Amino acid sequence: MIIHSLLFIGTTARMVSSTALAILVPAAEKRGAFMLLDASIQQLTAGLSAVLAGWIVLEAIDGQLTTKL
């Protein structure tokens, strides 16, 4: 549980710093549209990764989790 928490914190910290750098790219009057597009792409990729994980991880008849790989 501690490792999971640390990975979550590390991922979030990385996203904050990359977003801070990314918002400097567009002009100030277009920043809102840029951030909307950026957030939409992040949500889309998060959803696609959940679907991909659902295709890879399977539940066996006895209830144990297995993988296709």
C-alpha atoms as a PDB file:
ATOM      1  CA  MET A   1       0.000   0.000   0.000  1.00  0.00           C
ATOM      2  CA  ILE A   2       2.870   2.367   0.763  1.00  0.00           C
ATOM      3  CA  ILE A   3       4.483   1.702  -2.619  1.00  0.00           C
ATOM      4  CA  HIS A   4       1.186   2.377  -4.393  1.00  0.00           C
ATOM      5  CA  SER A   5       0.795   5.657  -2.506  1.00  0.00           C
ATOM      6  CA  LEU A   6       4.318   6.748  -3.390  1.00  0.00           C
ATOM      7  CA  LEU A   7       3.795   5.919  -7.066  1.00  0.00           C
ATOM      8  CA  PHE A   8       0.526   7.872  -7.069  1.00  0.00           C
ATOM      9  CA  ILE A   9       2.196  10.893  -5.461  1.00  0.00           C
ATOM     10  CA  GLY A  10       5.123  10.695  -7.907  1.00  0.00           C
ATOM     11  CA  THR A  11       2.832  10.513 -10.928  1.00  0.00           C
ATOM     12  CA  THR A  12       0.740  13.434  -9.727  1.00  0.00           C
ATOM     13  CA  ALA A  13       3.816  15.547  -8.992  1.00  0.00           C
ATOM     14  CA  ARG A  14       5.150  14.848 -12.470  1.00  0.00           C
ATOM     15  CA  MET A  15       1.854  15.880 -14.075  1.00  0.00           C
ATOM     16  CA  VAL A  16       1.745  19.151 -12.149  1.00  0.00           C
ATOM     17  CA  SER A  17       5.203  20.178 -13.322  1.00  0.00           C
ATOM     18  CA  SER A  18       4.586  19.146 -16.932  1.00  0.00           C
ATOM     19  CA  THR A  19       1.271  21.020 -16.998  1.00  0.00           C
ATOM     20  CA  ALA A  20       2.955  24.119 -15.595  1.00  0.00           C
ATOM     21  CA  LEU A  21       5.439  23.999 -18.462  1.00  0.00           C
ATOM     22  CA  ALA A  22       2.797  23.193 -21.085  1.00  0.00           C
ATOM     23  CA  ILE A  23       0.570  26.179 -20.283  1.00  0.00           C
ATOM     24  CA  LEU A  24       3.409  28.491 -21.240  1.00  0.00           C
ATOM     25  CA  VAL A  25       3.176  27.310 -24.875  1.00  0.00           C
ATOM     26  CA  PRO A  26      -0.085  28.986 -26.041  1.00  0.00           C
ATOM     27  CA  ALA A  27      -0.824  32.678 -25.934  1.00  0.00           C
ATOM     28  CA  ALA A  28      -2.701  33.866 -22.847  1.00  0.00           C
ATOM     29  CA  GLU A  29      -6.000  34.376 -24.709  1.00  0.00           C
ATOM     30  CA  LYS A  30      -5.911  30.779 -26.029  1.00  0.00           C
ATOM     31  CA  ARG A  31      -4.751  29.130 -22.817  1.00  0.00           C
ATOM     32  CA  GLY A  32      -8.222  28.009 -21.709  1.00  0.00           C
ATOM     33  CA  ALA A  33      -8.887  26.194 -24.979  1.00  0.00           C
ATOM     34  CA  PHE A  34      -5.450  24.607 -24.824  1.00  0.00           C
ATOM     35  CA  MET A  35      -6.009  23.363 -21.273  1.00  0.00           C
ATOM     36  CA  LEU A  36      -9.436  21.996 -22.245  1.00  0.00           C
ATOM     37  CA  LEU A  37      -7.909  20.033 -25.108  1.00  0.00           C
ATOM     38  CA  ASP A  38      -5.052  18.850 -22.893  1.00  0.00           C
ATOM     39  CA  ALA A  39      -7.444  17.615 -20.182  1.00  0.00           C
ATOM     40  CA  SER A  40      -9.646  15.910 -22.781  1.00  0.00           C
ATOM     41  CA  ILE A  41      -6.685  14.002 -24.189  1.00  0.00           C
ATOM     42  CA  GLN A  42      -5.594  12.983 -20.681  1.00  0.00           C
ATOM     43  CA  GLN A  43      -9.067  11.652 -19.877  1.00  0.00           C
ATOM     44  CA  LEU A  44      -9.284   9.819 -23.203  1.00  0.00           C
ATOM     45  CA  THR A  45      -5.940   8.090 -22.701  1.00  0.00           C
ATOM     46  CA  ALA A  46      -6.863   7.173 -19.113  1.00  0.00           C
ATOM     47  CA  GLY A  47     -10.054   5.552 -20.392  1.00  0.00           C
ATOM     48  CA  LEU A  48      -8.234   3.723 -23.179  1.00  0.00           C
ATOM     49  CA  SER A  49      -5.646   2.392 -20.747  1.00  0.00           C
ATOM     50  CA  ALA A  50      -8.443   1.050 -18.515  1.00  0.00           C
ATOM     51  CA  VAL A  51      -9.982  -0.720 -21.524  1.00  0.00           C
ATOM     52  CA  LEU A  52      -6.607  -2.165 -22.476  1.00  0.00           C
ATOM     53  CA  ALA A  53      -6.069  -3.414 -18.927  1.00  0.00           C
ATOM     54  CA  GLY A  54      -9.511  -5.026 -19.080  1.00  0.00           C
ATOM     55  CA  TRP A  55      -8.477  -6.929 -22.209  1.00  0.00           C
ATOM     56  CA  ILE A  56      -5.213  -8.108 -20.653  1.00  0.00           C
ATOM     57  CA  VAL A  57      -6.381  -9.108 -17.157  1.00  0.00           C
ATOM     58  CA  LEU A  58      -8.826 -12.015 -16.990  1.00  0.00           C
ATOM     59  CA  GLU A  59     -10.657 -13.741 -14.171  1.00  0.00           C
ATOM     60  CA  ALA A  60     -10.341 -17.527 -14.163  1.00  0.00           C
ATOM     61  CA  ILE A  61     -13.200 -19.855 -13.271  1.00  0.00           C
ATOM     62  CA  ASP A  62     -11.810 -20.253  -9.733  1.00  0.00           C
ATOM     63  CA  GLY A  63     -11.797 -16.476  -9.255  1.00  0.00           C
ATOM     64  CA  GLN A  64      -8.045 -15.893  -9.594  1.00  0.00           C
ATOM     65  CA  LEU A  65      -6.781 -13.117 -11.843  1.00  0.00           C
ATOM     66  CA  THR A  66      -4.729 -14.175 -14.846  1.00  0.00           C
ATOM     67  CA  THR A  67      -3.351 -12.433 -17.917  1.00  0.00           C
ATOM     68  CA  LYS A  68      -3.548 -13.099 -21.622  1.00  0.00           C
ATOM     69  CA  LEU A  69       0.180 -12.513 -21.924  1.00  0.00           C
END
